[in-house]
């Protein structure tokens, strides 16, 4: 059986087109809010995504430690997204991860196609592009590479890029250190809710069951960036999402009724609170709506790692300690798989208004 050839956005972008195909043009109601991302990033007035310094998160000094944790808690409750600095992952390792991803995407398309996924048959890991899966047939201006990077015993190394040669070593080491960072963050978030330190980590599957899925997003230059989106507005389904990027702006957050463009903060990792933690915390921590803009001048690449609970094993619902008469449960009980289905159903049936 011949595999369906999926058009790659990179091919479109490099073909010399002056206008983008209609399936990439956003609906009228979205277009009013899409501006020039470089101008948007320069803006200093108005709210800014918080930067959280993690240097003191495990300090011996209780006062210093509590101050750091309180700042993390405030950012998680108010924004649900933040720039993490002094996160403990070496800058040179992060540069290796970014260099490896960039080198993979610099390969000729036919070389990348050797790693193509096949969503129709359920083989979701590998090189891909968004397929229209909603009623409007809308597409996003990006190609990507998606694969599970942790735990090590659940990885399928055979589908990881062989070129460049450092890809596997750099990505595996980054995943290992990111997993440890997730533990430190989940501990602080647990304590912020008045729970035992290990509680949230346990609720999302612990060391054995929580999965880290990496998606490298490649956003080619776009001839009409004011009409397109790299990623449409969504909240992450994960527990936490950690993001690196190549210092080209694009991430926007919907905060207090307005789109705010995230600044490019050197040596930082962007962290999102995902739906999973929002549900467990009964809405005390926020999973913020966000999207990705594209531009004419520069390719943007981001490396998102989604920390996800197992699909069926755990029931996601507000933790009983956080549910009271005054603050009843905001979310129904669902498995992670059911939560994903629910979000897909809502996306394809926008008239269905209900909880996240």
C-alpha atoms as a PDB file:
ATOM      1  CA  UNK A   1       0.000   0.000   0.000  1.00  0.00           C
ATOM      2  CA  UNK A   2       1.402   3.395  -1.013  1.00  0.00           C
ATOM      3  CA  UNK A   3       1.565   5.891   1.854  1.00  0.00           C
ATOM      4  CA  UNK A   4      -0.285   9.162   1.302  1.00  0.00           C
ATOM      5  CA  UNK A   5       2.102  11.990   0.493  1.00  0.00           C
ATOM      6  CA  UNK A   6       1.562  14.778   3.024  1.00  0.00           C
ATOM      7  CA  UNK A   7       2.421  18.270   1.759  1.00  0.00           C
ATOM      8  CA  UNK A   8       5.071  19.818   4.017  1.00  0.00           C
ATOM      9  CA  UNK A   9       4.798  23.467   4.999  1.00  0.00           C
ATOM     10  CA  UNK A  10       8.544  23.796   4.399  1.00  0.00           C
ATOM     11  CA  UNK A  11       8.007  22.824   0.709  1.00  0.00           C
ATOM     12  CA  UNK A  12       5.236  25.397   0.375  1.00  0.00           C
ATOM     13  CA  UNK A  13       7.333  28.110   2.011  1.00  0.00           C
ATOM     14  CA  UNK A  14      10.366  27.459  -0.185  1.00  0.00           C
ATOM     15  CA  UNK A  15       8.348  27.251  -3.419  1.00  0.00           C
ATOM     16  CA  UNK A  16       8.276  31.019  -3.782  1.00  0.00           C
ATOM     17  CA  UNK A  17       4.533  31.495  -3.216  1.00  0.00           C
ATOM     18  CA  UNK A  18       3.450  35.066  -2.457  1.00  0.00           C
ATOM     19  CA  UNK A  19       0.100  34.155  -0.935  1.00  0.00           C
ATOM     20  CA  UNK A  20      -0.746  31.211   1.291  1.00  0.00           C
ATOM     21  CA  UNK A  21      -3.335  28.538   0.386  1.00  0.00           C
ATOM     22  CA  UNK A  22      -6.796  29.258   1.802  1.00  0.00           C
ATOM     23  CA  UNK A  23      -6.685  26.330   4.254  1.00  0.00           C
ATOM     24  CA  UNK A  24      -3.906  28.166   6.150  1.00  0.00           C
ATOM     25  CA  UNK A  25      -5.874  31.427   6.414  1.00  0.00           C
ATOM     26  CA  UNK A  26      -7.388  31.884   9.872  1.00  0.00           C
ATOM     27  CA  UNK A  27     -11.087  32.691  10.389  1.00  0.00           C
ATOM     28  CA  UNK A  28     -12.090  36.366  10.305  1.00  0.00           C
ATOM     29  CA  UNK A  29     -12.569  36.652  14.088  1.00  0.00           C
ATOM     30  CA  UNK A  30      -8.935  35.600  14.708  1.00  0.00           C
ATOM     31  CA  UNK A  31      -7.328  37.870  12.123  1.00  0.00           C
ATOM     32  CA  UNK A  32      -7.991  41.109  14.021  1.00  0.00           C
ATOM     33  CA  UNK A  33      -5.616  40.044  16.792  1.00  0.00           C
ATOM     34  CA  UNK A  34      -2.677  38.774  14.677  1.00  0.00           C
ATOM     35  CA  UNK A  35       0.060  41.447  14.533  1.00  0.00           C
ATOM     36  CA  UNK A  36       3.767  41.684  13.686  1.00  0.00           C
ATOM     37  CA  UNK A  37       5.455  39.429  16.255  1.00  0.00           C
ATOM     38  CA  UNK A  38       8.723  41.402  16.348  1.00  0.00           C
ATOM     39  CA  UNK A  39       6.878  44.637  17.146  1.00  0.00           C
ATOM     40  CA  UNK A  40       4.671  42.833  19.667  1.00  0.00           C
ATOM     41  CA  UNK A  41       7.723  41.392  21.462  1.00  0.00           C
ATOM     42  CA  UNK A  42       9.294  44.858  21.882  1.00  0.00           C
ATOM     43  CA  UNK A  43       6.300  46.170  23.829  1.00  0.00           C
ATOM     44  CA  UNK A  44       7.098  46.900  27.464  1.00  0.00           C
ATOM     45  CA  UNK A  45       3.734  48.278  28.532  1.00  0.00           C
ATOM     46  CA  UNK A  46       1.065  45.954  29.874  1.00  0.00           C
ATOM     47  CA  UNK A  47       1.401  42.553  31.562  1.00  0.00           C
ATOM     48  CA  UNK A  48       4.527  40.428  30.981  1.00  0.00           C
ATOM     49  CA  UNK A  49       5.023  36.680  31.415  1.00  0.00           C
ATOM     50  CA  UNK A  50       6.738  36.245  34.815  1.00  0.00           C
ATOM     51  CA  UNK A  51      10.347  35.057  35.126  1.00  0.00           C
ATOM     52  CA  UNK A  52      10.957  32.652  38.031  1.00  0.00           C
ATOM     53  CA  UNK A  53      14.477  32.102  39.352  1.00  0.00           C
ATOM     54  CA  UNK A  54      14.719  28.509  40.595  1.00  0.00           C
ATOM     55  CA  UNK A  55      18.168  28.899  42.144  1.00  0.00           C
ATOM     56  CA  UNK A  56      16.728  28.843  45.685  1.00  0.00           C
ATOM     57  CA  UNK A  57      13.936  26.279  45.288  1.00  0.00           C
ATOM     58  CA  UNK A  58      15.826  23.744  47.447  1.00  0.00           C
ATOM     59  CA  UNK A  59      17.839  26.220  49.540  1.00  0.00           C
ATOM     60  CA  UNK A  60      18.954  25.190  53.043  1.00  0.00           C
ATOM     61  CA  UNK A  61      17.617  28.533  54.266  1.00  0.00           C
ATOM     62  CA  UNK A  62      13.893  28.085  54.920  1.00  0.00           C
ATOM     63  CA  UNK A  63      12.998  31.772  54.379  1.00  0.00           C
ATOM     64  CA  UNK A  64      14.838  31.885  51.030  1.00  0.00           C
ATOM     65  CA  UNK A  65      13.321  28.552  49.947  1.00  0.00           C
ATOM     66  CA  UNK A  66       9.769  29.603  50.881  1.00  0.00           C
ATOM     67  CA  UNK A  67      10.129  32.890  48.971  1.00  0.00           C
ATOM     68  CA  UNK A  68      11.145  31.030  45.784  1.00  0.00           C
ATOM     69  CA  UNK A  69       8.277  28.544  46.134  1.00  0.00           C
ATOM     70  CA  UNK A  70       5.774  31.339  46.783  1.00  0.00           C
ATOM     71  CA  UNK A  71       6.839  33.082  43.545  1.00  0.00           C
ATOM     72  CA  UNK A  72       6.437  29.847  41.592  1.00  0.00           C
ATOM     73  CA  UNK A  73       3.005  29.282  43.146  1.00  0.00           C
ATOM     74  CA  UNK A  74       1.875  32.845  42.328  1.00  0.00           C
ATOM     75  CA  UNK A  75       2.960  32.516  38.676  1.00  0.00           C
ATOM     76  CA  UNK A  76       1.206  29.125  38.377  1.00  0.00           C
ATOM     77  CA  UNK A  77      -2.004  30.518  39.889  1.00  0.00           C
ATOM     78  CA  UNK A  78      -2.037  33.852  38.061  1.00  0.00           C
ATOM     79  CA  UNK A  79      -0.540  33.029  34.640  1.00  0.00           C
ATOM     80  CA  UNK A  80       0.006  29.269  34.333  1.00  0.00           C
ATOM     81  CA  UNK A  81       3.136  30.006  32.283  1.00  0.00           C
ATOM     82  CA  UNK A  82       6.580  31.363  33.175  1.00  0.00           C
ATOM     83  CA  UNK A  83      10.204  31.689  32.090  1.00  0.00           C
ATOM     84  CA  UNK A  84      12.368  29.486  34.353  1.00  0.00           C
ATOM     85  CA  UNK A  85      15.964  30.654  34.914  1.00  0.00           C
ATOM     86  CA  UNK A  86      18.697  28.967  36.955  1.00  0.00           C
ATOM     87  CA  UNK A  87      16.784  25.737  36.294  1.00  0.00           C
ATOM     88  CA  UNK A  88      19.841  23.511  36.711  1.00  0.00           C
ATOM     89  CA  UNK A  89      20.094  22.231  33.128  1.00  0.00           C
ATOM     90  CA  UNK A  90      23.499  23.224  31.682  1.00  0.00           C
ATOM     91  CA  UNK A  91      23.426  25.860  28.932  1.00  0.00           C
ATOM     92  CA  UNK A  92      25.845  23.827  26.799  1.00  0.00           C
ATOM     93  CA  UNK A  93      23.503  20.797  26.867  1.00  0.00           C
ATOM     94  CA  UNK A  94      20.565  22.996  25.827  1.00  0.00           C
ATOM     95  CA  UNK A  95      22.681  24.377  22.959  1.00  0.00           C
ATOM     96  CA  UNK A  96      23.491  20.795  21.861  1.00  0.00           C
ATOM     97  CA  UNK A  97      19.784  19.868  21.867  1.00  0.00           C
ATOM     98  CA  UNK A  98      18.920  22.946  19.804  1.00  0.00           C
ATOM     99  CA  UNK A  99      21.823  22.441  17.381  1.00  0.00           C
ATOM    100  CA  UNK A 100      20.821  18.783  16.843  1.00  0.00           C
ATOM    101  CA  UNK A 101      17.185  19.702  16.148  1.00  0.00           C
ATOM    102  CA  UNK A 102      18.164  22.518  13.799  1.00  0.00           C
ATOM    103  CA  UNK A 103      20.545  20.218  11.909  1.00  0.00           C
ATOM    104  CA  UNK A 104      17.792  17.622  11.499  1.00  0.00           C
ATOM    105  CA  UNK A 105      15.392  20.205  10.067  1.00  0.00           C
ATOM    106  CA  UNK A 106      18.151  21.523   7.782  1.00  0.00           C
ATOM    107  CA  UNK A 107      18.293  18.115   6.066  1.00  0.00           C
ATOM    108  CA  UNK A 108      16.631  17.839   2.646  1.00  0.00           C
ATOM    109  CA  UNK A 109      12.918  17.058   2.931  1.00  0.00           C
ATOM    110  CA  UNK A 110      13.390  13.647   1.270  1.00  0.00           C
ATOM    111  CA  UNK A 111      15.868  12.743   4.033  1.00  0.00           C
ATOM    112  CA  UNK A 112      13.387  13.814   6.743  1.00  0.00           C
ATOM    113  CA  UNK A 113      10.621  11.836   4.997  1.00  0.00           C
ATOM    114  CA  UNK A 114      12.457   8.626   5.978  1.00  0.00           C
ATOM    115  CA  UNK A 115      11.186   9.381   9.497  1.00  0.00           C
ATOM    116  CA  UNK A 116       7.616  10.249   8.429  1.00  0.00           C
ATOM    117  CA  UNK A 117       4.830   9.303  10.809  1.00  0.00           C
ATOM    118  CA  UNK A 118       1.531   7.820   9.656  1.00  0.00           C
ATOM    119  CA  UNK A 119      -1.308   9.199  11.729  1.00  0.00           C
ATOM    120  CA  UNK A 120      -3.937   7.185   9.859  1.00  0.00           C
ATOM    121  CA  UNK A 121      -2.393   3.921  11.078  1.00  0.00           C
ATOM    122  CA  UNK A 122      -1.795   5.270  14.589  1.00  0.00           C
ATOM    123  CA  UNK A 123       1.988   5.649  14.171  1.00  0.00           C
ATOM    124  CA  UNK A 124       2.189   9.151  15.615  1.00  0.00           C
ATOM    125  CA  UNK A 125       5.919   9.321  16.390  1.00  0.00           C
ATOM    126  CA  UNK A 126       8.199  10.781  13.750  1.00  0.00           C
ATOM    127  CA  UNK A 127       8.276  13.608  11.202  1.00  0.00           C
ATOM    128  CA  UNK A 128       4.904  15.124  10.382  1.00  0.00           C
ATOM    129  CA  UNK A 129       2.643  18.019   9.513  1.00  0.00           C
ATOM    130  CA  UNK A 130      -0.774  18.906  10.870  1.00  0.00           C
ATOM    131  CA  UNK A 131      -3.635  17.148   9.119  1.00  0.00           C
ATOM    132  CA  UNK A 132      -6.984  18.929   8.982  1.00  0.00           C
ATOM    133  CA  UNK A 133      -9.025  17.255  11.709  1.00  0.00           C
ATOM    134  CA  UNK A 134     -11.753  19.785  12.282  1.00  0.00           C
ATOM    135  CA  UNK A 135     -14.861  20.862  10.454  1.00  0.00           C
ATOM    136  CA  UNK A 136     -13.251  23.965   8.915  1.00  0.00           C
ATOM    137  CA  UNK A 137     -10.313  21.982   7.480  1.00  0.00           C
ATOM    138  CA  UNK A 138      -7.958  24.550   8.999  1.00  0.00           C
ATOM    139  CA  UNK A 139      -4.180  23.973   8.832  1.00  0.00           C
ATOM    140  CA  UNK A 140      -1.253  25.346  10.830  1.00  0.00           C
ATOM    141  CA  UNK A 141       1.979  26.783   9.405  1.00  0.00           C
ATOM    142  CA  UNK A 142       4.380  24.197  10.843  1.00  0.00           C
ATOM    143  CA  UNK A 143       6.090  20.839  10.379  1.00  0.00           C
ATOM    144  CA  UNK A 144       7.272  18.866  13.399  1.00  0.00           C
ATOM    145  CA  UNK A 145       9.141  15.872  14.792  1.00  0.00           C
ATOM    146  CA  UNK A 146       7.407  14.046  17.663  1.00  0.00           C
ATOM    147  CA  UNK A 147       8.765  11.266  19.875  1.00  0.00           C
ATOM    148  CA  UNK A 148       8.654   9.863  23.393  1.00  0.00           C
ATOM    149  CA  UNK A 149      11.907  10.683  25.210  1.00  0.00           C
ATOM    150  CA  UNK A 150      11.359   9.335  28.775  1.00  0.00           C
ATOM    151  CA  UNK A 151      11.157   6.855  30.563  1.00  0.00           C
ATOM    152  CA  UNK A 152      14.068   5.194  28.782  1.00  0.00           C
ATOM    153  CA  UNK A 153      12.434   1.748  28.694  1.00  0.00           C
ATOM    154  CA  UNK A 154       9.428   3.125  26.786  1.00  0.00           C
ATOM    155  CA  UNK A 155      11.416   4.915  24.057  1.00  0.00           C
ATOM    156  CA  UNK A 156      11.647   3.671  20.486  1.00  0.00           C
ATOM    157  CA  UNK A 157      15.182   4.782  19.619  1.00  0.00           C
ATOM    158  CA  UNK A 158      14.895   3.277  16.126  1.00  0.00           C
ATOM    159  CA  UNK A 159      12.729   6.201  15.002  1.00  0.00           C
ATOM    160  CA  UNK A 160      14.994   8.920  16.460  1.00  0.00           C
ATOM    161  CA  UNK A 161      17.030  10.890  13.880  1.00  0.00           C
ATOM    162  CA  UNK A 162      20.379   9.270  13.077  1.00  0.00           C
ATOM    163  CA  UNK A 163      21.629  12.557  11.649  1.00  0.00           C
ATOM    164  CA  UNK A 164      23.118  14.535  13.293  1.00  0.00           C
ATOM    165  CA  UNK A 165      25.089  11.972  15.265  1.00  0.00           C
ATOM    166  CA  UNK A 166      24.718  13.900  18.567  1.00  0.00           C
ATOM    167  CA  UNK A 167      20.903  13.944  18.382  1.00  0.00           C
ATOM    168  CA  UNK A 168      20.306  10.831  20.508  1.00  0.00           C
ATOM    169  CA  UNK A 169      22.893  11.540  23.203  1.00  0.00           C
ATOM    170  CA  UNK A 170      21.954  15.216  23.641  1.00  0.00           C
ATOM    171  CA  UNK A 171      18.182  14.603  23.614  1.00  0.00           C
ATOM    172  CA  UNK A 172      18.361  11.615  25.992  1.00  0.00           C
ATOM    173  CA  UNK A 173      20.463  13.537  28.526  1.00  0.00           C
ATOM    174  CA  UNK A 174      18.192  16.588  28.290  1.00  0.00           C
ATOM    175  CA  UNK A 175      15.122  14.390  28.880  1.00  0.00           C
ATOM    176  CA  UNK A 176      16.744  12.823  31.954  1.00  0.00           C
ATOM    177  CA  UNK A 177      17.545  16.212  33.508  1.00  0.00           C
ATOM    178  CA  UNK A 178      14.145  17.628  32.552  1.00  0.00           C
ATOM    179  CA  UNK A 179      12.469  14.730  34.335  1.00  0.00           C
ATOM    180  CA  UNK A 180      14.351  15.662  37.524  1.00  0.00           C
ATOM    181  CA  UNK A 181      13.343  19.325  37.053  1.00  0.00           C
ATOM    182  CA  UNK A 182       9.693  18.237  36.721  1.00  0.00           C
ATOM    183  CA  UNK A 183       9.968  16.528  40.125  1.00  0.00           C
ATOM    184  CA  UNK A 184      11.341  19.698  41.737  1.00  0.00           C
ATOM    185  CA  UNK A 185       8.565  21.827  40.233  1.00  0.00           C
ATOM    186  CA  UNK A 186       5.777  19.347  41.105  1.00  0.00           C
ATOM    187  CA  UNK A 187       7.067  19.184  44.697  1.00  0.00           C
ATOM    188  CA  UNK A 188       6.897  22.962  45.075  1.00  0.00           C
ATOM    189  CA  UNK A 189       3.439  23.079  43.462  1.00  0.00           C
ATOM    190  CA  UNK A 190       2.197  20.339  45.829  1.00  0.00           C
ATOM    191  CA  UNK A 191       3.431  22.235  48.876  1.00  0.00           C
ATOM    192  CA  UNK A 192       1.778  25.379  47.478  1.00  0.00           C
ATOM    193  CA  UNK A 193      -1.574  23.575  47.665  1.00  0.00           C
ATOM    194  CA  UNK A 194      -0.955  22.435  51.246  1.00  0.00           C
ATOM    195  CA  UNK A 195      -0.358  18.842  50.084  1.00  0.00           C
ATOM    196  CA  UNK A 196       2.490  16.454  50.813  1.00  0.00           C
ATOM    197  CA  UNK A 197       5.531  17.168  48.661  1.00  0.00           C
ATOM    198  CA  UNK A 198       5.231  14.058  46.477  1.00  0.00           C
ATOM    199  CA  UNK A 199       1.485  14.178  45.967  1.00  0.00           C
ATOM    200  CA  UNK A 200       1.125  15.758  42.506  1.00  0.00           C
ATOM    201  CA  UNK A 201       3.949  13.644  41.096  1.00  0.00           C
ATOM    202  CA  UNK A 202       2.211  10.500  42.370  1.00  0.00           C
ATOM    203  CA  UNK A 203      -1.097  11.653  40.863  1.00  0.00           C
ATOM    204  CA  UNK A 204       0.446  12.029  37.398  1.00  0.00           C
ATOM    205  CA  UNK A 205       2.107   8.620  37.356  1.00  0.00           C
ATOM    206  CA  UNK A 206       5.383   8.997  39.229  1.00  0.00           C
ATOM    207  CA  UNK A 207       8.784   8.055  37.797  1.00  0.00           C
ATOM    208  CA  UNK A 208       7.556   4.853  36.158  1.00  0.00           C
ATOM    209  CA  UNK A 209       4.409   6.087  34.440  1.00  0.00           C
ATOM    210  CA  UNK A 210       4.680   9.802  33.628  1.00  0.00           C
ATOM    211  CA  UNK A 211       5.673  10.141  29.964  1.00  0.00           C
ATOM    212  CA  UNK A 212       7.821  12.876  28.443  1.00  0.00           C
ATOM    213  CA  UNK A 213       6.915  13.477  24.797  1.00  0.00           C
ATOM    214  CA  UNK A 214       9.083  15.844  22.756  1.00  0.00           C
ATOM    215  CA  UNK A 215       7.687  17.801  19.816  1.00  0.00           C
ATOM    216  CA  UNK A 216      10.127  19.888  17.803  1.00  0.00           C
ATOM    217  CA  UNK A 217       8.020  22.519  16.025  1.00  0.00           C
ATOM    218  CA  UNK A 218       9.475  23.951  12.809  1.00  0.00           C
ATOM    219  CA  UNK A 219       7.779  27.153  11.604  1.00  0.00           C
ATOM    220  CA  UNK A 220       9.046  28.176   8.134  1.00  0.00           C
ATOM    221  CA  UNK A 221       9.023  31.806   6.997  1.00  0.00           C
ATOM    222  CA  UNK A 222       5.504  32.735   5.941  1.00  0.00           C
ATOM    223  CA  UNK A 223       4.732  35.149   3.079  1.00  0.00           C
ATOM    224  CA  UNK A 224       1.508  36.327   4.802  1.00  0.00           C
ATOM    225  CA  UNK A 225       2.116  35.979   8.545  1.00  0.00           C
ATOM    226  CA  UNK A 226      -0.806  38.297   9.340  1.00  0.00           C
ATOM    227  CA  UNK A 227      -3.188  35.622   7.990  1.00  0.00           C
ATOM    228  CA  UNK A 228      -1.718  32.436   9.505  1.00  0.00           C
ATOM    229  CA  UNK A 229      -0.857  30.786  12.814  1.00  0.00           C
ATOM    230  CA  UNK A 230       1.968  28.357  13.540  1.00  0.00           C
ATOM    231  CA  UNK A 231      -0.184  26.769  16.244  1.00  0.00           C
ATOM    232  CA  UNK A 232      -3.812  27.671  16.822  1.00  0.00           C
ATOM    233  CA  UNK A 233      -5.084  28.737  20.248  1.00  0.00           C
ATOM    234  CA  UNK A 234      -5.194  25.825  22.706  1.00  0.00           C
ATOM    235  CA  UNK A 235      -4.402  24.790  26.258  1.00  0.00           C
ATOM    236  CA  UNK A 236      -1.931  21.936  26.850  1.00  0.00           C
ATOM    237  CA  UNK A 237      -3.397  18.630  28.022  1.00  0.00           C
ATOM    238  CA  UNK A 238      -0.166  17.754  29.857  1.00  0.00           C
ATOM    239  CA  UNK A 239       0.693  18.083  33.543  1.00  0.00           C
ATOM    240  CA  UNK A 240       3.614  20.400  32.706  1.00  0.00           C
ATOM    241  CA  UNK A 241       5.140  21.484  29.386  1.00  0.00           C
ATOM    242  CA  UNK A 242       8.755  22.680  29.084  1.00  0.00           C
ATOM    243  CA  UNK A 243       9.743  24.683  25.994  1.00  0.00           C
ATOM    244  CA  UNK A 244      13.034  25.766  24.438  1.00  0.00           C
ATOM    245  CA  UNK A 245      13.159  27.957  21.318  1.00  0.00           C
ATOM    246  CA  UNK A 246      15.697  29.467  18.927  1.00  0.00           C
ATOM    247  CA  UNK A 247      15.198  33.001  20.320  1.00  0.00           C
ATOM    248  CA  UNK A 248      12.716  33.980  17.599  1.00  0.00           C
ATOM    249  CA  UNK A 249       9.488  35.294  19.186  1.00  0.00           C
ATOM    250  CA  UNK A 250       6.128  33.665  18.452  1.00  0.00           C
ATOM    251  CA  UNK A 251       4.484  32.455  21.659  1.00  0.00           C
ATOM    252  CA  UNK A 252       1.397  34.392  22.710  1.00  0.00           C
ATOM    253  CA  UNK A 253      -0.656  33.930  25.890  1.00  0.00           C
ATOM    254  CA  UNK A 254      -4.294  34.923  26.351  1.00  0.00           C
ATOM    255  CA  UNK A 255      -4.126  36.807  29.653  1.00  0.00           C
ATOM    256  CA  UNK A 256      -7.016  38.817  31.099  1.00  0.00           C
ATOM    257  CA  UNK A 257      -8.771  39.067  27.744  1.00  0.00           C
ATOM    258  CA  UNK A 258      -5.727  40.116  25.646  1.00  0.00           C
ATOM    259  CA  UNK A 259      -2.992  38.331  23.667  1.00  0.00           C
ATOM    260  CA  UNK A 260       0.407  38.929  25.303  1.00  0.00           C
ATOM    261  CA  UNK A 261       3.611  38.094  23.368  1.00  0.00           C
ATOM    262  CA  UNK A 262       6.255  36.287  25.420  1.00  0.00           C
ATOM    263  CA  UNK A 263       9.703  37.891  25.381  1.00  0.00           C
ATOM    264  CA  UNK A 264      12.761  35.828  24.436  1.00  0.00           C
ATOM    265  CA  UNK A 265      14.612  35.392  27.757  1.00  0.00           C
ATOM    266  CA  UNK A 266      18.199  34.086  27.331  1.00  0.00           C
ATOM    267  CA  UNK A 267      19.063  30.748  29.008  1.00  0.00           C
ATOM    268  CA  UNK A 268      15.477  30.185  30.123  1.00  0.00           C
ATOM    269  CA  UNK A 269      13.020  27.342  29.741  1.00  0.00           C
ATOM    270  CA  UNK A 270       9.372  28.310  29.292  1.00  0.00           C
ATOM    271  CA  UNK A 271       7.061  26.216  31.484  1.00  0.00           C
ATOM    272  CA  UNK A 272       3.313  25.824  31.075  1.00  0.00           C
ATOM    273  CA  UNK A 273       0.928  24.399  33.631  1.00  0.00           C
ATOM    274  CA  UNK A 274      -1.222  21.931  31.645  1.00  0.00           C
ATOM    275  CA  UNK A 275      -4.870  20.876  32.012  1.00  0.00           C
ATOM    276  CA  UNK A 276      -3.863  17.862  34.119  1.00  0.00           C
ATOM    277  CA  UNK A 277      -2.483  20.032  36.958  1.00  0.00           C
ATOM    278  CA  UNK A 278      -5.322  22.540  36.574  1.00  0.00           C
ATOM    279  CA  UNK A 279      -7.818  19.711  37.096  1.00  0.00           C
ATOM    280  CA  UNK A 280      -5.962  18.122  40.052  1.00  0.00           C
ATOM    281  CA  UNK A 281      -5.628  21.556  41.730  1.00  0.00           C
ATOM    282  CA  UNK A 282      -9.349  22.241  41.142  1.00  0.00           C
ATOM    283  CA  UNK A 283      -8.478  25.333  39.123  1.00  0.00           C
ATOM    284  CA  UNK A 284      -6.068  26.856  41.657  1.00  0.00           C
ATOM    285  CA  UNK A 285      -3.290  26.554  39.058  1.00  0.00           C
ATOM    286  CA  UNK A 286      -4.142  27.748  35.534  1.00  0.00           C
ATOM    287  CA  UNK A 287      -3.700  26.096  32.148  1.00  0.00           C
ATOM    288  CA  UNK A 288      -3.459  29.183  29.944  1.00  0.00           C
ATOM    289  CA  UNK A 289      -4.752  29.510  26.377  1.00  0.00           C
ATOM    290  CA  UNK A 290      -1.818  30.108  24.020  1.00  0.00           C
ATOM    291  CA  UNK A 291      -0.904  30.111  20.331  1.00  0.00           C
ATOM    292  CA  UNK A 292       2.095  30.541  18.018  1.00  0.00           C
ATOM    293  CA  UNK A 293       2.571  33.362  15.501  1.00  0.00           C
ATOM    294  CA  UNK A 294       4.769  33.116  12.411  1.00  0.00           C
ATOM    295  CA  UNK A 295       6.750  35.753  10.503  1.00  0.00           C
ATOM    296  CA  UNK A 296       8.281  36.614   7.107  1.00  0.00           C
ATOM    297  CA  UNK A 297      11.902  37.062   8.137  1.00  0.00           C
ATOM    298  CA  UNK A 298      13.016  34.190  10.342  1.00  0.00           C
ATOM    299  CA  UNK A 299      12.403  30.481  10.773  1.00  0.00           C
ATOM    300  CA  UNK A 300      11.198  29.758  14.301  1.00  0.00           C
ATOM    301  CA  UNK A 301      11.901  26.422  16.025  1.00  0.00           C
ATOM    302  CA  UNK A 302      10.675  25.342  19.446  1.00  0.00           C
ATOM    303  CA  UNK A 303      11.292  22.188  21.461  1.00  0.00           C
ATOM    304  CA  UNK A 304       8.243  21.348  23.596  1.00  0.00           C
ATOM    305  CA  UNK A 305       8.355  18.480  26.090  1.00  0.00           C
ATOM    306  CA  UNK A 306       4.938  17.438  27.396  1.00  0.00           C
ATOM    307  CA  UNK A 307       4.914  15.640  30.761  1.00  0.00           C
ATOM    308  CA  UNK A 308       1.823  13.443  30.534  1.00  0.00           C
ATOM    309  CA  UNK A 309       0.090  11.013  32.891  1.00  0.00           C
ATOM    310  CA  UNK A 310      -0.674   7.474  31.643  1.00  0.00           C
ATOM    311  CA  UNK A 311      -3.752   7.401  29.400  1.00  0.00           C
ATOM    312  CA  UNK A 312      -5.955   4.919  31.286  1.00  0.00           C
ATOM    313  CA  UNK A 313      -4.413   4.090  34.663  1.00  0.00           C
ATOM    314  CA  UNK A 314      -5.209   7.266  36.558  1.00  0.00           C
ATOM    315  CA  UNK A 315      -8.506   9.053  37.058  1.00  0.00           C
ATOM    316  CA  UNK A 316      -8.039  12.801  36.692  1.00  0.00           C
ATOM    317  CA  UNK A 317     -10.267  14.771  39.046  1.00  0.00           C
ATOM    318  CA  UNK A 318      -9.867  17.548  41.599  1.00  0.00           C
ATOM    319  CA  UNK A 319      -8.026  16.193  44.651  1.00  0.00           C
ATOM    320  CA  UNK A 320     -10.488  15.631  47.527  1.00  0.00           C
ATOM    321  CA  UNK A 321      -8.481  17.855  49.905  1.00  0.00           C
ATOM    322  CA  UNK A 322      -9.074  20.782  47.524  1.00  0.00           C
ATOM    323  CA  UNK A 323     -12.836  20.321  47.200  1.00  0.00           C
ATOM    324  CA  UNK A 324     -15.084  22.006  49.781  1.00  0.00           C
ATOM    325  CA  UNK A 325     -18.643  23.273  49.971  1.00  0.00           C
ATOM    326  CA  UNK A 326     -17.357  26.755  49.230  1.00  0.00           C
ATOM    327  CA  UNK A 327     -15.115  25.452  46.412  1.00  0.00           C
ATOM    328  CA  UNK A 328     -16.900  22.490  44.786  1.00  0.00           C
ATOM    329  CA  UNK A 329     -15.226  20.367  42.090  1.00  0.00           C
ATOM    330  CA  UNK A 330     -14.875  22.378  38.875  1.00  0.00           C
ATOM    331  CA  UNK A 331     -14.061  19.370  36.715  1.00  0.00           C
ATOM    332  CA  UNK A 332     -15.629  15.905  36.257  1.00  0.00           C
ATOM    333  CA  UNK A 333     -13.673  12.646  36.745  1.00  0.00           C
ATOM    334  CA  UNK A 334     -12.048  11.393  33.539  1.00  0.00           C
ATOM    335  CA  UNK A 335      -9.084   9.330  32.472  1.00  0.00           C
ATOM    336  CA  UNK A 336      -6.411  11.239  30.549  1.00  0.00           C
ATOM    337  CA  UNK A 337      -7.593   9.490  27.361  1.00  0.00           C
ATOM    338  CA  UNK A 338     -11.180  10.649  28.015  1.00  0.00           C
ATOM    339  CA  UNK A 339      -9.945  14.204  28.610  1.00  0.00           C
ATOM    340  CA  UNK A 340      -8.202  14.160  25.197  1.00  0.00           C
ATOM    341  CA  UNK A 341     -11.369  12.819  23.522  1.00  0.00           C
ATOM    342  CA  UNK A 342     -13.478  15.462  25.262  1.00  0.00           C
ATOM    343  CA  UNK A 343     -11.221  18.270  23.999  1.00  0.00           C
ATOM    344  CA  UNK A 344     -11.224  16.898  20.443  1.00  0.00           C
ATOM    345  CA  UNK A 345     -15.019  16.615  20.516  1.00  0.00           C
ATOM    346  CA  UNK A 346     -15.355  20.227  21.693  1.00  0.00           C
ATOM    347  CA  UNK A 347     -12.921  21.443  19.046  1.00  0.00           C
ATOM    348  CA  UNK A 348     -14.894  19.731  16.290  1.00  0.00           C
ATOM    349  CA  UNK A 349     -18.236  20.782  17.784  1.00  0.00           C
ATOM    350  CA  UNK A 350     -17.691  24.391  18.892  1.00  0.00           C
ATOM    351  CA  UNK A 351     -21.346  24.803  19.806  1.00  0.00           C
ATOM    352  CA  UNK A 352     -20.828  22.307  22.657  1.00  0.00           C
ATOM    353  CA  UNK A 353     -20.020  24.581  25.578  1.00  0.00           C
ATOM    354  CA  UNK A 354     -18.768  22.820  28.712  1.00  0.00           C
ATOM    355  CA  UNK A 355     -15.804  22.599  31.056  1.00  0.00           C
ATOM    356  CA  UNK A 356     -12.252  22.006  29.905  1.00  0.00           C
END
